[in-house]
């Protein structure tokens, strides 16, 4: 699993060995209202996965829902990606939205997809070239959807009295309900029994911490990597940062609650804990 996380030097070498498409995951920051750098120069051979646009299903009423396999396949095909394309996901901030793109492709059944540690900042810091946005010819993507990468609210409800662990990637003040949620109509607090592991605690200078440090972070949060894990956050994006880290650490059963707190916190039928 460790080889799925590429350093910039490893990516540069891989791009010399064979064709690689770089998938830039774009998303505005809902907490700081900071827009993503959509018009910035990109890494060579890059196409976009816009999580605020076609990269999400907006018909659900939640900000960043996973599209159907068919819709996502059409979107990727328009970007020049097929199921056999070697894809490396990255983002403009380092590690933020790219793990979500990686997770989405795995759910679609994509075999050869990697994540660039440090993203575009690490690439530029290494003095490697950037270029104008490229546009590839439209291709056909044939998805092979795989269950288990994403779960819905029913699965989360059913997990509450099992050995599955709910891991919340939001900040501790949000988790405890000490601050208001950034989205209107969403209650503050967390799910019963949930454990808090803020995604930012797994990252330093835009890169994942070393594996041993990641394992220690999970242990401090009371998370057993040998038991099932369901990751959640505000809208299903940074949960993937934690989920990917869990896989790096050897966890085998990791899912993302796609609706996350945007769904759970806005529906009064779901129990909320404030502490």
C-alpha atoms as a PDB file:
ATOM      1  CA  UNK A   1       0.000   0.000   0.000  1.00  0.00           C
ATOM      2  CA  UNK A   2       2.878   2.376   0.780  1.00  0.00           C
ATOM      3  CA  UNK A   3       3.830   2.570  -2.913  1.00  0.00           C
ATOM      4  CA  UNK A   4       0.420   4.137  -3.629  1.00  0.00           C
ATOM      5  CA  UNK A   5       1.738   7.364  -2.068  1.00  0.00           C
ATOM      6  CA  UNK A   6       4.309   8.838  -4.452  1.00  0.00           C
ATOM      7  CA  UNK A   7       7.008  11.371  -3.670  1.00  0.00           C
ATOM      8  CA  UNK A   8       7.743  13.951  -6.360  1.00  0.00           C
ATOM      9  CA  UNK A   9      10.919  12.185  -7.449  1.00  0.00           C
ATOM     10  CA  UNK A  10       9.064   8.905  -7.833  1.00  0.00           C
ATOM     11  CA  UNK A  11       6.378  10.599  -9.922  1.00  0.00           C
ATOM     12  CA  UNK A  12       8.953  12.288 -12.148  1.00  0.00           C
ATOM     13  CA  UNK A  13      10.598   8.899 -12.757  1.00  0.00           C
ATOM     14  CA  UNK A  14       7.267   7.187 -13.431  1.00  0.00           C
ATOM     15  CA  UNK A  15       6.370   9.857 -15.998  1.00  0.00           C
ATOM     16  CA  UNK A  16       9.579   9.048 -17.881  1.00  0.00           C
ATOM     17  CA  UNK A  17       8.784   5.335 -17.872  1.00  0.00           C
ATOM     18  CA  UNK A  18       5.225   5.396 -19.245  1.00  0.00           C
ATOM     19  CA  UNK A  19       2.239   7.666 -19.972  1.00  0.00           C
ATOM     20  CA  UNK A  20       0.714   9.081 -16.800  1.00  0.00           C
ATOM     21  CA  UNK A  21      -2.305  11.364 -16.436  1.00  0.00           C
ATOM     22  CA  UNK A  22      -2.224  13.689 -13.444  1.00  0.00           C
ATOM     23  CA  UNK A  23      -5.624  14.386 -11.935  1.00  0.00           C
ATOM     24  CA  UNK A  24      -5.830  17.741 -10.165  1.00  0.00           C
ATOM     25  CA  UNK A  25      -8.561  17.660  -7.512  1.00  0.00           C
ATOM     26  CA  UNK A  26     -10.129  21.096  -7.181  1.00  0.00           C
ATOM     27  CA  UNK A  27     -12.286  22.321  -4.312  1.00  0.00           C
ATOM     28  CA  UNK A  28     -12.864  25.648  -2.579  1.00  0.00           C
ATOM     29  CA  UNK A  29     -12.254  25.597   1.183  1.00  0.00           C
ATOM     30  CA  UNK A  30     -15.701  25.899   2.839  1.00  0.00           C
ATOM     31  CA  UNK A  31     -14.239  26.883   6.235  1.00  0.00           C
ATOM     32  CA  UNK A  32     -12.039  29.759   5.129  1.00  0.00           C
ATOM     33  CA  UNK A  33     -14.028  30.600   1.986  1.00  0.00           C
ATOM     34  CA  UNK A  34     -10.732  30.345   0.098  1.00  0.00           C
ATOM     35  CA  UNK A  35     -11.198  29.542  -3.594  1.00  0.00           C
ATOM     36  CA  UNK A  36      -8.965  26.897  -5.122  1.00  0.00           C
ATOM     37  CA  UNK A  37      -6.281  27.987  -7.580  1.00  0.00           C
ATOM     38  CA  UNK A  38      -8.194  26.997 -10.666  1.00  0.00           C
ATOM     39  CA  UNK A  39      -6.313  29.342 -12.999  1.00  0.00           C
ATOM     40  CA  UNK A  40      -2.812  28.503 -11.755  1.00  0.00           C
ATOM     41  CA  UNK A  41      -0.217  26.694 -13.828  1.00  0.00           C
ATOM     42  CA  UNK A  42      -0.510  22.929 -13.456  1.00  0.00           C
ATOM     43  CA  UNK A  43       1.743  19.902 -13.435  1.00  0.00           C
ATOM     44  CA  UNK A  44       2.436  18.478 -16.907  1.00  0.00           C
ATOM     45  CA  UNK A  45      -0.188  16.131 -18.373  1.00  0.00           C
ATOM     46  CA  UNK A  46      -2.851  17.362 -15.916  1.00  0.00           C
ATOM     47  CA  UNK A  47      -6.620  17.280 -16.161  1.00  0.00           C
ATOM     48  CA  UNK A  48      -9.097  18.399 -13.523  1.00  0.00           C
ATOM     49  CA  UNK A  49     -11.565  16.689 -11.221  1.00  0.00           C
ATOM     50  CA  UNK A  50     -13.674  19.596  -9.958  1.00  0.00           C
ATOM     51  CA  UNK A  51     -15.308  18.497  -6.720  1.00  0.00           C
ATOM     52  CA  UNK A  52     -17.381  21.694  -6.642  1.00  0.00           C
ATOM     53  CA  UNK A  53     -18.538  20.968 -10.202  1.00  0.00           C
ATOM     54  CA  UNK A  54     -19.008  17.780 -12.220  1.00  0.00           C
ATOM     55  CA  UNK A  55     -16.882  15.795  -9.786  1.00  0.00           C
ATOM     56  CA  UNK A  56     -19.805  15.627  -7.334  1.00  0.00           C
ATOM     57  CA  UNK A  57     -23.500  14.767  -7.499  1.00  0.00           C
ATOM     58  CA  UNK A  58     -25.297  17.959  -6.495  1.00  0.00           C
ATOM     59  CA  UNK A  59     -28.781  16.442  -6.853  1.00  0.00           C
ATOM     60  CA  UNK A  60     -28.466  14.932  -3.360  1.00  0.00           C
ATOM     61  CA  UNK A  61     -28.630  18.360  -1.745  1.00  0.00           C
ATOM     62  CA  UNK A  62     -25.249  17.813  -0.081  1.00  0.00           C
ATOM     63  CA  UNK A  63     -22.046  19.551  -1.199  1.00  0.00           C
ATOM     64  CA  UNK A  64     -19.776  16.739  -2.391  1.00  0.00           C
ATOM     65  CA  UNK A  65     -21.661  13.486  -2.944  1.00  0.00           C
ATOM     66  CA  UNK A  66     -20.138  10.653  -4.955  1.00  0.00           C
ATOM     67  CA  UNK A  67     -21.636  10.655  -8.478  1.00  0.00           C
ATOM     68  CA  UNK A  68     -23.116   7.476  -9.892  1.00  0.00           C
ATOM     69  CA  UNK A  69     -20.556   5.187 -11.506  1.00  0.00           C
ATOM     70  CA  UNK A  70     -22.015   6.041 -14.915  1.00  0.00           C
ATOM     71  CA  UNK A  71     -21.840   9.814 -14.425  1.00  0.00           C
ATOM     72  CA  UNK A  72     -18.324   9.708 -13.008  1.00  0.00           C
ATOM     73  CA  UNK A  73     -17.198   7.464 -15.851  1.00  0.00           C
ATOM     74  CA  UNK A  74     -18.558   9.946 -18.409  1.00  0.00           C
ATOM     75  CA  UNK A  75     -16.790  12.832 -16.650  1.00  0.00           C
ATOM     76  CA  UNK A  76     -13.468  10.988 -16.517  1.00  0.00           C
ATOM     77  CA  UNK A  77     -13.831   9.944 -20.144  1.00  0.00           C
ATOM     78  CA  UNK A  78     -14.319  13.576 -21.150  1.00  0.00           C
ATOM     79  CA  UNK A  79     -11.034  14.300 -19.348  1.00  0.00           C
ATOM     80  CA  UNK A  80      -9.238  11.696 -21.463  1.00  0.00           C
ATOM     81  CA  UNK A  81      -9.093   8.983 -18.793  1.00  0.00           C
ATOM     82  CA  UNK A  82      -9.978   5.317 -19.305  1.00  0.00           C
ATOM     83  CA  UNK A  83     -10.041   2.462 -16.820  1.00  0.00           C
ATOM     84  CA  UNK A  84      -6.539   1.505 -18.005  1.00  0.00           C
ATOM     85  CA  UNK A  85      -4.992   4.968 -17.586  1.00  0.00           C
ATOM     86  CA  UNK A  86      -2.256   5.345 -14.977  1.00  0.00           C
ATOM     87  CA  UNK A  87      -3.583   8.194 -12.813  1.00  0.00           C
ATOM     88  CA  UNK A  88      -1.862  10.229 -10.103  1.00  0.00           C
ATOM     89  CA  UNK A  89      -4.163  12.460  -8.038  1.00  0.00           C
ATOM     90  CA  UNK A  90      -2.850  15.713  -6.573  1.00  0.00           C
ATOM     91  CA  UNK A  91      -4.125  19.049  -5.344  1.00  0.00           C
ATOM     92  CA  UNK A  92      -2.929  22.625  -5.074  1.00  0.00           C
ATOM     93  CA  UNK A  93      -2.674  22.694  -1.272  1.00  0.00           C
ATOM     94  CA  UNK A  94      -0.527  19.623  -0.623  1.00  0.00           C
ATOM     95  CA  UNK A  95      -2.830  17.012   0.897  1.00  0.00           C
ATOM     96  CA  UNK A  96      -6.448  18.122   1.048  1.00  0.00           C
ATOM     97  CA  UNK A  97      -8.866  17.118  -1.707  1.00  0.00           C
ATOM     98  CA  UNK A  98      -6.678  14.713  -3.725  1.00  0.00           C
ATOM     99  CA  UNK A  99      -7.282  11.727  -1.401  1.00  0.00           C
ATOM    100  CA  UNK A 100     -10.988  12.132  -2.205  1.00  0.00           C
ATOM    101  CA  UNK A 101     -10.220  11.855  -5.939  1.00  0.00           C
ATOM    102  CA  UNK A 102      -8.088   8.764  -5.263  1.00  0.00           C
ATOM    103  CA  UNK A 103     -10.908   7.229  -3.203  1.00  0.00           C
ATOM    104  CA  UNK A 104     -13.507   7.923  -5.892  1.00  0.00           C
ATOM    105  CA  UNK A 105     -11.425   6.183  -8.552  1.00  0.00           C
ATOM    106  CA  UNK A 106     -10.875   3.163  -6.303  1.00  0.00           C
ATOM    107  CA  UNK A 107     -14.645   2.973  -5.776  1.00  0.00           C
ATOM    108  CA  UNK A 108     -15.014   3.029  -9.553  1.00  0.00           C
ATOM    109  CA  UNK A 109     -12.719   0.003  -9.794  1.00  0.00           C
ATOM    110  CA  UNK A 110      -9.640   1.855 -11.048  1.00  0.00           C
ATOM    111  CA  UNK A 111      -6.541  -0.247 -10.434  1.00  0.00           C
ATOM    112  CA  UNK A 112      -3.583   1.997 -11.140  1.00  0.00           C
ATOM    113  CA  UNK A 113      -4.216   5.231  -9.252  1.00  0.00           C
ATOM    114  CA  UNK A 114      -1.694   6.938  -6.987  1.00  0.00           C
ATOM    115  CA  UNK A 115      -1.565   9.984  -4.725  1.00  0.00           C
ATOM    116  CA  UNK A 116       1.170  12.643  -4.912  1.00  0.00           C
ATOM    117  CA  UNK A 117       2.479  13.425  -1.426  1.00  0.00           C
ATOM    118  CA  UNK A 118       2.776  17.177  -1.022  1.00  0.00           C
ATOM    119  CA  UNK A 119       0.840  17.877  -4.205  1.00  0.00           C
ATOM    120  CA  UNK A 120       1.614  20.816  -6.469  1.00  0.00           C
ATOM    121  CA  UNK A 121       3.589  22.767  -3.797  1.00  0.00           C
ATOM    122  CA  UNK A 122       6.053  19.872  -3.365  1.00  0.00           C
ATOM    123  CA  UNK A 123       6.429  19.553  -7.136  1.00  0.00           C
ATOM    124  CA  UNK A 124       7.202  23.251  -7.508  1.00  0.00           C
ATOM    125  CA  UNK A 125       9.553  23.228  -4.488  1.00  0.00           C
ATOM    126  CA  UNK A 126      11.548  20.498  -6.232  1.00  0.00           C
ATOM    127  CA  UNK A 127      12.054  22.833  -9.201  1.00  0.00           C
ATOM    128  CA  UNK A 128      10.081  20.609 -11.569  1.00  0.00           C
ATOM    129  CA  UNK A 129       8.240  22.138 -14.518  1.00  0.00           C
ATOM    130  CA  UNK A 130       4.638  23.340 -14.616  1.00  0.00           C
ATOM    131  CA  UNK A 131       2.592  23.970 -17.748  1.00  0.00           C
ATOM    132  CA  UNK A 132      -0.637  25.301 -19.158  1.00  0.00           C
ATOM    133  CA  UNK A 133      -3.768  23.209 -18.696  1.00  0.00           C
ATOM    134  CA  UNK A 134      -3.952  20.384 -21.228  1.00  0.00           C
ATOM    135  CA  UNK A 135      -7.043  19.058 -22.933  1.00  0.00           C
ATOM    136  CA  UNK A 136      -7.121  15.424 -23.943  1.00  0.00           C
ATOM    137  CA  UNK A 137      -9.447  13.782 -26.441  1.00  0.00           C
ATOM    138  CA  UNK A 138     -12.739  12.353 -25.231  1.00  0.00           C
ATOM    139  CA  UNK A 139     -12.480   8.653 -24.390  1.00  0.00           C
ATOM    140  CA  UNK A 140     -14.807   6.005 -22.965  1.00  0.00           C
ATOM    141  CA  UNK A 141     -14.334   4.918 -19.381  1.00  0.00           C
ATOM    142  CA  UNK A 142     -15.766   1.507 -18.494  1.00  0.00           C
ATOM    143  CA  UNK A 143     -16.302   1.431 -14.712  1.00  0.00           C
ATOM    144  CA  UNK A 144     -16.179  -1.661 -12.515  1.00  0.00           C
ATOM    145  CA  UNK A 145     -17.729  -0.307  -9.290  1.00  0.00           C
ATOM    146  CA  UNK A 146     -16.581  -1.858  -6.020  1.00  0.00           C
ATOM    147  CA  UNK A 147     -18.618  -1.919  -2.843  1.00  0.00           C
ATOM    148  CA  UNK A 148     -17.262  -0.857   0.525  1.00  0.00           C
ATOM    149  CA  UNK A 149     -15.359   2.277  -0.387  1.00  0.00           C
ATOM    150  CA  UNK A 150     -18.361   4.470   0.438  1.00  0.00           C
ATOM    151  CA  UNK A 151     -21.229   3.851   2.874  1.00  0.00           C
ATOM    152  CA  UNK A 152     -24.532   5.656   3.487  1.00  0.00           C
ATOM    153  CA  UNK A 153     -26.308   6.835   6.627  1.00  0.00           C
ATOM    154  CA  UNK A 154     -28.113   3.507   7.065  1.00  0.00           C
ATOM    155  CA  UNK A 155     -24.790   1.691   7.247  1.00  0.00           C
ATOM    156  CA  UNK A 156     -23.545   4.216   9.806  1.00  0.00           C
ATOM    157  CA  UNK A 157     -26.670   3.740  11.938  1.00  0.00           C
ATOM    158  CA  UNK A 158     -26.247  -0.029  11.808  1.00  0.00           C
ATOM    159  CA  UNK A 159     -22.602   0.308  12.832  1.00  0.00           C
ATOM    160  CA  UNK A 160     -23.336   2.217  16.056  1.00  0.00           C
ATOM    161  CA  UNK A 161     -23.650  -0.936  18.152  1.00  0.00           C
ATOM    162  CA  UNK A 162     -20.896  -2.965  16.497  1.00  0.00           C
ATOM    163  CA  UNK A 163     -17.091  -3.031  16.686  1.00  0.00           C
ATOM    164  CA  UNK A 164     -16.894  -0.627  13.729  1.00  0.00           C
ATOM    165  CA  UNK A 165     -15.252   2.674  14.648  1.00  0.00           C
ATOM    166  CA  UNK A 166     -16.580   6.033  13.478  1.00  0.00           C
ATOM    167  CA  UNK A 167     -13.602   8.339  12.949  1.00  0.00           C
ATOM    168  CA  UNK A 168     -14.413  12.043  12.566  1.00  0.00           C
ATOM    169  CA  UNK A 169     -11.811  14.074  10.655  1.00  0.00           C
ATOM    170  CA  UNK A 170     -13.198  17.502  11.623  1.00  0.00           C
ATOM    171  CA  UNK A 171     -11.439  19.834  14.050  1.00  0.00           C
ATOM    172  CA  UNK A 172     -11.856  19.109  17.753  1.00  0.00           C
ATOM    173  CA  UNK A 173     -13.991  22.249  18.427  1.00  0.00           C
ATOM    174  CA  UNK A 174     -16.408  21.189  15.676  1.00  0.00           C
ATOM    175  CA  UNK A 175     -16.414  17.600  16.902  1.00  0.00           C
ATOM    176  CA  UNK A 176     -17.248  18.685  20.456  1.00  0.00           C
ATOM    177  CA  UNK A 177     -19.924  21.099  19.283  1.00  0.00           C
ATOM    178  CA  UNK A 178     -18.071  24.120  20.671  1.00  0.00           C
ATOM    179  CA  UNK A 179     -18.445  26.095  17.445  1.00  0.00           C
ATOM    180  CA  UNK A 180     -21.171  26.497  14.859  1.00  0.00           C
ATOM    181  CA  UNK A 181     -21.017  24.430  11.699  1.00  0.00           C
ATOM    182  CA  UNK A 182     -20.078  26.352   8.531  1.00  0.00           C
ATOM    183  CA  UNK A 183     -23.159  25.114   6.705  1.00  0.00           C
ATOM    184  CA  UNK A 184     -26.592  26.574   7.451  1.00  0.00           C
ATOM    185  CA  UNK A 185     -29.046  24.230   9.149  1.00  0.00           C
ATOM    186  CA  UNK A 186     -26.426  21.727  10.319  1.00  0.00           C
ATOM    187  CA  UNK A 187     -26.307  20.965  14.046  1.00  0.00           C
ATOM    188  CA  UNK A 188     -23.083  21.026  16.046  1.00  0.00           C
ATOM    189  CA  UNK A 189     -21.610  17.928  17.680  1.00  0.00           C
ATOM    190  CA  UNK A 190     -20.765  14.389  16.607  1.00  0.00           C
ATOM    191  CA  UNK A 191     -22.168  10.890  16.177  1.00  0.00           C
ATOM    192  CA  UNK A 192     -22.586   8.643  19.239  1.00  0.00           C
ATOM    193  CA  UNK A 193     -19.362   6.765  19.959  1.00  0.00           C
ATOM    194  CA  UNK A 194     -17.364   8.602  17.311  1.00  0.00           C
ATOM    195  CA  UNK A 195     -13.629   9.153  17.758  1.00  0.00           C
ATOM    196  CA  UNK A 196     -11.950  12.401  16.744  1.00  0.00           C
ATOM    197  CA  UNK A 197      -8.838  12.459  14.555  1.00  0.00           C
ATOM    198  CA  UNK A 198      -8.539  15.875  12.851  1.00  0.00           C
ATOM    199  CA  UNK A 199      -7.147  15.353   9.356  1.00  0.00           C
ATOM    200  CA  UNK A 200      -4.625  18.173   9.796  1.00  0.00           C
ATOM    201  CA  UNK A 201      -2.914  16.250  12.580  1.00  0.00           C
ATOM    202  CA  UNK A 202      -1.790  13.671  10.007  1.00  0.00           C
ATOM    203  CA  UNK A 203      -0.103  16.233   7.756  1.00  0.00           C
ATOM    204  CA  UNK A 204       2.992  18.385   8.095  1.00  0.00           C
ATOM    205  CA  UNK A 205       4.091  20.910   5.484  1.00  0.00           C
ATOM    206  CA  UNK A 206       1.472  19.560   3.080  1.00  0.00           C
ATOM    207  CA  UNK A 207       2.698  15.946   3.320  1.00  0.00           C
ATOM    208  CA  UNK A 208       1.652  12.889   5.231  1.00  0.00           C
ATOM    209  CA  UNK A 209       3.587  12.180   8.417  1.00  0.00           C
ATOM    210  CA  UNK A 210       5.870   9.109   8.370  1.00  0.00           C
ATOM    211  CA  UNK A 211       4.021   5.811   8.785  1.00  0.00           C
ATOM    212  CA  UNK A 212       5.097   5.293  12.400  1.00  0.00           C
ATOM    213  CA  UNK A 213       3.897   8.785  13.300  1.00  0.00           C
ATOM    214  CA  UNK A 214       0.580   8.106  11.580  1.00  0.00           C
ATOM    215  CA  UNK A 215       0.167   4.872  13.544  1.00  0.00           C
ATOM    216  CA  UNK A 216       0.853   6.754  16.776  1.00  0.00           C
ATOM    217  CA  UNK A 217      -1.786   9.358  15.870  1.00  0.00           C
ATOM    218  CA  UNK A 218      -4.397   6.630  15.353  1.00  0.00           C
ATOM    219  CA  UNK A 219      -3.380   4.995  18.635  1.00  0.00           C
ATOM    220  CA  UNK A 220      -3.618   8.287  20.571  1.00  0.00           C
ATOM    221  CA  UNK A 221      -7.116   8.778  19.179  1.00  0.00           C
ATOM    222  CA  UNK A 222      -8.116   5.344  20.469  1.00  0.00           C
ATOM    223  CA  UNK A 223      -8.492   3.826  17.001  1.00  0.00           C
ATOM    224  CA  UNK A 224      -7.763   0.130  16.441  1.00  0.00           C
ATOM    225  CA  UNK A 225      -6.503  -0.309  12.884  1.00  0.00           C
ATOM    226  CA  UNK A 226      -7.422  -4.006  12.895  1.00  0.00           C
ATOM    227  CA  UNK A 227     -11.139  -3.267  13.346  1.00  0.00           C
ATOM    228  CA  UNK A 228     -13.533  -1.787  10.740  1.00  0.00           C
ATOM    229  CA  UNK A 229     -13.267   1.981  10.313  1.00  0.00           C
ATOM    230  CA  UNK A 230     -15.829   4.404   8.883  1.00  0.00           C
ATOM    231  CA  UNK A 231     -14.383   7.868   8.277  1.00  0.00           C
ATOM    232  CA  UNK A 232     -16.549  10.973   8.312  1.00  0.00           C
ATOM    233  CA  UNK A 233     -15.986  14.740   8.154  1.00  0.00           C
ATOM    234  CA  UNK A 234     -17.969  17.758   6.979  1.00  0.00           C
ATOM    235  CA  UNK A 235     -18.856  16.664   3.449  1.00  0.00           C
ATOM    236  CA  UNK A 236     -16.846  13.499   2.752  1.00  0.00           C
ATOM    237  CA  UNK A 237     -13.637  15.155   1.523  1.00  0.00           C
ATOM    238  CA  UNK A 238     -11.126  15.281   4.381  1.00  0.00           C
ATOM    239  CA  UNK A 239     -12.475  11.964   5.683  1.00  0.00           C
ATOM    240  CA  UNK A 240     -10.545  10.519   2.750  1.00  0.00           C
ATOM    241  CA  UNK A 241      -7.325  12.071   4.113  1.00  0.00           C
ATOM    242  CA  UNK A 242      -7.816   9.990   7.262  1.00  0.00           C
ATOM    243  CA  UNK A 243      -9.032   6.927   5.369  1.00  0.00           C
ATOM    244  CA  UNK A 244      -5.993   6.933   3.088  1.00  0.00           C
ATOM    245  CA  UNK A 245      -3.711   7.283   6.119  1.00  0.00           C
ATOM    246  CA  UNK A 246      -5.419   4.293   7.744  1.00  0.00           C
ATOM    247  CA  UNK A 247      -4.729   2.222   4.637  1.00  0.00           C
ATOM    248  CA  UNK A 248      -1.109   3.380   4.661  1.00  0.00           C
ATOM    249  CA  UNK A 249      -0.902   2.060   8.216  1.00  0.00           C
ATOM    250  CA  UNK A 250      -2.180  -1.365   7.214  1.00  0.00           C
ATOM    251  CA  UNK A 251      -5.910  -1.120   7.952  1.00  0.00           C
ATOM    252  CA  UNK A 252      -7.943  -3.448   5.734  1.00  0.00           C
ATOM    253  CA  UNK A 253     -11.564  -2.407   6.301  1.00  0.00           C
ATOM    254  CA  UNK A 254     -11.972   1.344   5.737  1.00  0.00           C
ATOM    255  CA  UNK A 255     -15.024   3.144   4.345  1.00  0.00           C
ATOM    256  CA  UNK A 256     -16.040   6.767   3.866  1.00  0.00           C
ATOM    257  CA  UNK A 257     -19.453   7.998   4.988  1.00  0.00           C
ATOM    258  CA  UNK A 258     -20.280   9.965   1.868  1.00  0.00           C
ATOM    259  CA  UNK A 259     -22.951  12.244   3.338  1.00  0.00           C
ATOM    260  CA  UNK A 260     -20.825  12.867   6.436  1.00  0.00           C
ATOM    261  CA  UNK A 261     -21.848  15.631   8.841  1.00  0.00           C
ATOM    262  CA  UNK A 262     -23.615  17.634   6.119  1.00  0.00           C
ATOM    263  CA  UNK A 263     -26.220  14.871   6.029  1.00  0.00           C
ATOM    264  CA  UNK A 264     -26.135  13.590   9.616  1.00  0.00           C
ATOM    265  CA  UNK A 265     -26.141  16.993  11.294  1.00  0.00           C
ATOM    266  CA  UNK A 266     -28.985  18.340   9.172  1.00  0.00           C
ATOM    267  CA  UNK A 267     -31.422  15.466   9.740  1.00  0.00           C
ATOM    268  CA  UNK A 268     -33.099  15.418  13.207  1.00  0.00           C
ATOM    269  CA  UNK A 269     -33.693  11.667  13.021  1.00  0.00           C
ATOM    270  CA  UNK A 270     -29.968  11.062  13.554  1.00  0.00           C
ATOM    271  CA  UNK A 271     -28.626  11.305  17.132  1.00  0.00           C
ATOM    272  CA  UNK A 272     -26.063  13.995  17.924  1.00  0.00           C
ATOM    273  CA  UNK A 273     -23.713  14.173  20.916  1.00  0.00           C
ATOM    274  CA  UNK A 274     -22.242  17.409  22.267  1.00  0.00           C
ATOM    275  CA  UNK A 275     -19.436  17.178  24.827  1.00  0.00           C
END
